[in-house]
Amino acid sequence: MVDLINSEDRGVAEAVGSQRLAIADAIELVVEAFRSGGRMIYVGAGTSGRL
């Protein structure tokens, strides 16, 4: 079970790594929106802990 969890966690890191430029672009858009007075509204069970 531990090996499976470790393998799945590694897959997440690899997926994020392969998309790092797109993620950085999205972050820049969010920062720009916040700086111009924008805000983030989120809903859902457990969402706040993941943001």
PDB file of N, CA and C in Angstrom:
ATOM      1  N   MET A   1       0.820  -1.187   0.000  1.00  0.00           N
ATOM      2  CA  MET A   1       0.000   0.000   0.000  1.00  0.00           C
ATOM      3  C   MET A   1       0.869   1.258   0.000  1.00  0.00           C
ATOM      4  N   VAL A   2       1.921   1.238   0.798  1.00  0.00           N
ATOM      5  CA  VAL A   2       2.805   2.403   0.861  1.00  0.00           C
ATOM      6  C   VAL A   2       3.463   2.645  -0.492  1.00  0.00           C
ATOM      7  N   ASP A   3       3.877   1.573  -1.162  1.00  0.00           N
ATOM      8  CA  ASP A   3       4.492   1.722  -2.484  1.00  0.00           C
ATOM      9  C   ASP A   3       3.509   2.304  -3.487  1.00  0.00           C
ATOM     10  N   LEU A   4       2.258   1.888  -3.413  1.00  0.00           N
ATOM     11  CA  LEU A   4       1.231   2.418  -4.318  1.00  0.00           C
ATOM     12  C   LEU A   4       1.022   3.912  -4.074  1.00  0.00           C
ATOM     13  N   ILE A   5       0.896   4.299  -2.811  1.00  0.00           N
ATOM     14  CA  ILE A   5       0.718   5.715  -2.475  1.00  0.00           C
ATOM     15  C   ILE A   5       1.918   6.523  -2.967  1.00  0.00           C
ATOM     16  N   ASN A   6       3.118   6.005  -2.735  1.00  0.00           N
ATOM     17  CA  ASN A   6       4.327   6.704  -3.162  1.00  0.00           C
ATOM     18  C   ASN A   6       4.371   6.846  -4.681  1.00  0.00           C
ATOM     19  N   SER A   7       3.995   5.808  -5.381  1.00  0.00           N
ATOM     20  CA  SER A   7       3.975   5.843  -6.845  1.00  0.00           C
ATOM     21  C   SER A   7       2.973   6.870  -7.357  1.00  0.00           C
ATOM     22  N   GLU A   8       1.799   6.901  -6.765  1.00  0.00           N
ATOM     23  CA  GLU A   8       0.777   7.869  -7.177  1.00  0.00           C
ATOM     24  C   GLU A   8       1.226   9.297  -6.888  1.00  0.00           C
ATOM     25  N   ASP A   9       1.849   9.516  -5.737  1.00  0.00           N
ATOM     26  CA  ASP A   9       2.360  10.851  -5.407  1.00  0.00           C
ATOM     27  C   ASP A   9       3.418  11.293  -6.414  1.00  0.00           C
ATOM     28  N   ARG A  10       4.271  10.384  -6.816  1.00  0.00           N
ATOM     29  CA  ARG A  10       5.308  10.703  -7.805  1.00  0.00           C
ATOM     30  C   ARG A  10       4.666  11.095  -9.134  1.00  0.00           C
ATOM     31  N   GLY A  11       3.586  10.416  -9.497  1.00  0.00           N
ATOM     32  CA  GLY A  11       2.870  10.744 -10.731  1.00  0.00           C
ATOM     33  C   GLY A  11       2.318  12.161 -10.712  1.00  0.00           C
ATOM     34  N   VAL A  12       1.841  12.600  -9.559  1.00  0.00           N
ATOM     35  CA  VAL A  12       1.325  13.971  -9.433  1.00  0.00           C
ATOM     36  C   VAL A  12       2.457  14.971  -9.652  1.00  0.00           C
ATOM     37  N   ALA A  13       3.588  14.730  -9.013  1.00  0.00           N
ATOM     38  CA  ALA A  13       4.727  15.638  -9.164  1.00  0.00           C
ATOM     39  C   ALA A  13       5.191  15.700 -10.617  1.00  0.00           C
ATOM     40  N   GLU A  14       5.209  14.566 -11.294  1.00  0.00           N
ATOM     41  CA  GLU A  14       5.614  14.546 -12.704  1.00  0.00           C
ATOM     42  C   GLU A  14       4.619  15.309 -13.572  1.00  0.00           C
ATOM     43  N   ALA A  15       3.328  15.142 -13.295  1.00  0.00           N
ATOM     44  CA  ALA A  15       2.300  15.842 -14.075  1.00  0.00           C
ATOM     45  C   ALA A  15       2.415  17.354 -13.886  1.00  0.00           C
ATOM     46  N   VAL A  16       2.597  17.781 -12.647  1.00  0.00           N
ATOM     47  CA  VAL A  16       2.749  19.212 -12.378  1.00  0.00           C
ATOM     48  C   VAL A  16       4.014  19.733 -13.054  1.00  0.00           C
ATOM     49  N   GLY A  17       5.096  18.976 -12.963  1.00  0.00           N
ATOM     50  CA  GLY A  17       6.353  19.390 -13.580  1.00  0.00           C
ATOM     51  C   GLY A  17       6.234  19.569 -15.078  1.00  0.00           C
ATOM     52  N   SER A  18       5.467  18.711 -15.716  1.00  0.00           N
ATOM     53  CA  SER A  18       5.332  18.809 -17.171  1.00  0.00           C
ATOM     54  C   SER A  18       4.475  19.994 -17.599  1.00  0.00           C
ATOM     55  N   GLN A  19       3.743  20.572 -16.661  1.00  0.00           N
ATOM     56  CA  GLN A  19       2.859  21.695 -16.976  1.00  0.00           C
ATOM     57  C   GLN A  19       3.271  22.978 -16.266  1.00  0.00           C
ATOM     58  N   ARG A  20       4.504  23.042 -15.795  1.00  0.00           N
ATOM     59  CA  ARG A  20       4.917  24.184 -14.967  1.00  0.00           C
ATOM     60  C   ARG A  20       4.816  25.522 -15.675  1.00  0.00           C
ATOM     61  N   LEU A  21       5.067  25.583 -16.973  1.00  0.00           N
ATOM     62  CA  LEU A  21       4.957  26.869 -17.671  1.00  0.00           C
ATOM     63  C   LEU A  21       3.502  27.329 -17.757  1.00  0.00           C
ATOM     64  N   ALA A  22       2.601  26.411 -18.038  1.00  0.00           N
ATOM     65  CA  ALA A  22       1.177  26.767 -18.083  1.00  0.00           C
ATOM     66  C   ALA A  22       0.682  27.184 -16.702  1.00  0.00           C
ATOM     67  N   ILE A  23       1.155  26.504 -15.663  1.00  0.00           N
ATOM     68  CA  ILE A  23       0.767  26.854 -14.293  1.00  0.00           C
ATOM     69  C   ILE A  23       1.297  28.243 -13.938  1.00  0.00           C
ATOM     70  N   ALA A  24       2.540  28.532 -14.321  1.00  0.00           N
ATOM     71  CA  ALA A  24       3.114  29.860 -14.058  1.00  0.00           C
ATOM     72  C   ALA A  24       2.320  30.945 -14.776  1.00  0.00           C
ATOM     73  N   ASP A  25       1.909  30.684 -16.015  1.00  0.00           N
ATOM     74  CA  ASP A  25       1.089  31.655 -16.752  1.00  0.00           C
ATOM     75  C   ASP A  25      -0.237  31.903 -16.034  1.00  0.00           C
ATOM     76  N   ALA A  26      -0.861  30.834 -15.541  1.00  0.00           N
ATOM     77  CA  ALA A  26      -2.129  30.976 -14.822  1.00  0.00           C
ATOM     78  C   ALA A  26      -1.941  31.782 -13.541  1.00  0.00           C
ATOM     79  N   ILE A  27      -0.850  31.543 -12.846  1.00  0.00           N
ATOM     80  CA  ILE A  27      -0.560  32.298 -11.621  1.00  0.00           C
ATOM     81  C   ILE A  27      -0.420  33.780 -11.926  1.00  0.00           C
ATOM     82  N   GLU A  28       0.269  34.110 -13.002  1.00  0.00           N
ATOM     83  CA  GLU A  28       0.426  35.516 -13.382  1.00  0.00           C
ATOM     84  C   GLU A  28      -0.927  36.166 -13.664  1.00  0.00           C
ATOM     85  N   LEU A  29      -1.830  35.444 -14.311  1.00  0.00           N
ATOM     86  CA  LEU A  29      -3.170  35.982 -14.575  1.00  0.00           C
ATOM     87  C   LEU A  29      -3.938  36.221 -13.279  1.00  0.00           C
ATOM     88  N   VAL A  30      -3.809  35.297 -12.333  1.00  0.00           N
ATOM     89  CA  VAL A  30      -4.487  35.452 -11.042  1.00  0.00           C
ATOM     90  C   VAL A  30      -3.926  36.659 -10.295  1.00  0.00           C
ATOM     91  N   VAL A  31      -2.605  36.794 -10.273  1.00  0.00           N
ATOM     92  CA  VAL A  31      -1.973  37.933  -9.597  1.00  0.00           C
ATOM     93  C   VAL A  31      -2.450  39.238 -10.217  1.00  0.00           C
ATOM     94  N   GLU A  32      -2.483  39.297 -11.535  1.00  0.00           N
ATOM     95  CA  GLU A  32      -2.953  40.501 -12.228  1.00  0.00           C
ATOM     96  C   GLU A  32      -4.402  40.818 -11.850  1.00  0.00           C
ATOM     97  N   ALA A  33      -5.229  39.795 -11.789  1.00  0.00           N
ATOM     98  CA  ALA A  33      -6.635  40.004 -11.419  1.00  0.00           C
ATOM     99  C   ALA A  33      -6.752  40.532  -9.992  1.00  0.00           C
ATOM    100  N   PHE A  34      -5.991  39.954  -9.058  1.00  0.00           N
ATOM    101  CA  PHE A  34      -6.024  40.429  -7.675  1.00  0.00           C
ATOM    102  C   PHE A  34      -5.548  41.874  -7.576  1.00  0.00           C
ATOM    103  N   ARG A  35      -4.500  42.203  -8.293  1.00  0.00           N
ATOM    104  CA  ARG A  35      -3.958  43.566  -8.240  1.00  0.00           C
ATOM    105  C   ARG A  35      -4.924  44.589  -8.808  1.00  0.00           C
ATOM    106  N   SER A  36      -5.814  44.167  -9.708  1.00  0.00           N
ATOM    107  CA  SER A  36      -6.800  45.110 -10.242  1.00  0.00           C
ATOM    108  C   SER A  36      -8.129  45.040  -9.495  1.00  0.00           C
ATOM    109  N   GLY A  37      -8.082  44.526  -8.267  1.00  0.00           N
ATOM    110  CA  GLY A  37      -9.274  44.539  -7.435  1.00  0.00           C
ATOM    111  C   GLY A  37     -10.106  43.275  -7.493  1.00  0.00           C
ATOM    112  N   GLY A  38      -9.650  42.289  -8.234  1.00  0.00           N
ATOM    113  CA  GLY A  38     -10.399  41.036  -8.329  1.00  0.00           C
ATOM    114  C   GLY A  38     -10.355  40.259  -7.026  1.00  0.00           C
ATOM    115  N   ARG A  39     -11.172  39.252  -6.945  1.00  0.00           N
ATOM    116  CA  ARG A  39     -11.202  38.408  -5.752  1.00  0.00           C
ATOM    117  C   ARG A  39     -11.512  36.983  -6.159  1.00  0.00           C
ATOM    118  N   MET A  40     -11.271  36.072  -5.254  1.00  0.00           N
ATOM    119  CA  MET A  40     -11.542  34.667  -5.507  1.00  0.00           C
ATOM    120  C   MET A  40     -12.667  34.219  -4.588  1.00  0.00           C
ATOM    121  N   ILE A  41     -13.639  33.580  -5.172  1.00  0.00           N
ATOM    122  CA  ILE A  41     -14.746  33.019  -4.404  1.00  0.00           C
ATOM    123  C   ILE A  41     -14.758  31.526  -4.693  1.00  0.00           C
ATOM    124  N   TYR A  42     -14.714  30.719  -3.671  1.00  0.00           N
ATOM    125  CA  TYR A  42     -14.703  29.281  -3.872  1.00  0.00           C
ATOM    126  C   TYR A  42     -15.720  28.625  -2.954  1.00  0.00           C
ATOM    127  N   VAL A  43     -16.243  27.518  -3.390  1.00  0.00           N
ATOM    128  CA  VAL A  43     -17.217  26.764  -2.610  1.00  0.00           C
ATOM    129  C   VAL A  43     -16.888  25.282  -2.729  1.00  0.00           C
ATOM    130  N   GLY A  44     -17.355  24.528  -1.786  1.00  0.00           N
ATOM    131  CA  GLY A  44     -17.191  23.083  -1.853  1.00  0.00           C
ATOM    132  C   GLY A  44     -16.602  22.537  -0.561  1.00  0.00           C
ATOM    133  N   ALA A  45     -16.956  21.339  -0.255  1.00  0.00           N
ATOM    134  CA  ALA A  45     -16.468  20.695   0.958  1.00  0.00           C
ATOM    135  C   ALA A  45     -14.972  20.436   0.850  1.00  0.00           C
ATOM    136  N   GLY A  46     -14.203  21.016   1.737  1.00  0.00           N
ATOM    137  CA  GLY A  46     -12.776  20.787   1.775  1.00  0.00           C
ATOM    138  C   GLY A  46     -11.956  21.640   0.828  1.00  0.00           C
ATOM    139  N   THR A  47     -12.595  22.444   0.016  1.00  0.00           N
ATOM    140  CA  THR A  47     -11.864  23.230  -0.974  1.00  0.00           C
ATOM    141  C   THR A  47     -10.872  24.177  -0.316  1.00  0.00           C
ATOM    142  N   SER A  48     -11.264  24.826   0.758  1.00  0.00           N
ATOM    143  CA  SER A  48     -10.390  25.836   1.362  1.00  0.00           C
ATOM    144  C   SER A  48      -9.072  25.241   1.825  1.00  0.00           C
ATOM    145  N   GLY A  49      -9.070  24.010   2.235  1.00  0.00           N
ATOM    146  CA  GLY A  49      -7.833  23.371   2.670  1.00  0.00           C
ATOM    147  C   GLY A  49      -6.880  23.073   1.537  1.00  0.00           C
ATOM    148  N   ARG A  50      -7.391  23.011   0.320  1.00  0.00           N
ATOM    149  CA  ARG A  50      -6.542  22.688  -0.825  1.00  0.00           C
ATOM    150  C   ARG A  50      -6.087  23.924  -1.576  1.00  0.00           C
ATOM    151  N   LEU A  51      -6.610  25.111  -1.250  1.00  0.00           N
ATOM    152  CA  LEU A  51      -6.222  26.331  -1.966  1.00  0.00           C
ATOM    153  C   LEU A  51      -5.167  27.095  -1.203  1.00  0.00           C
TER     154      LEU A  51
END
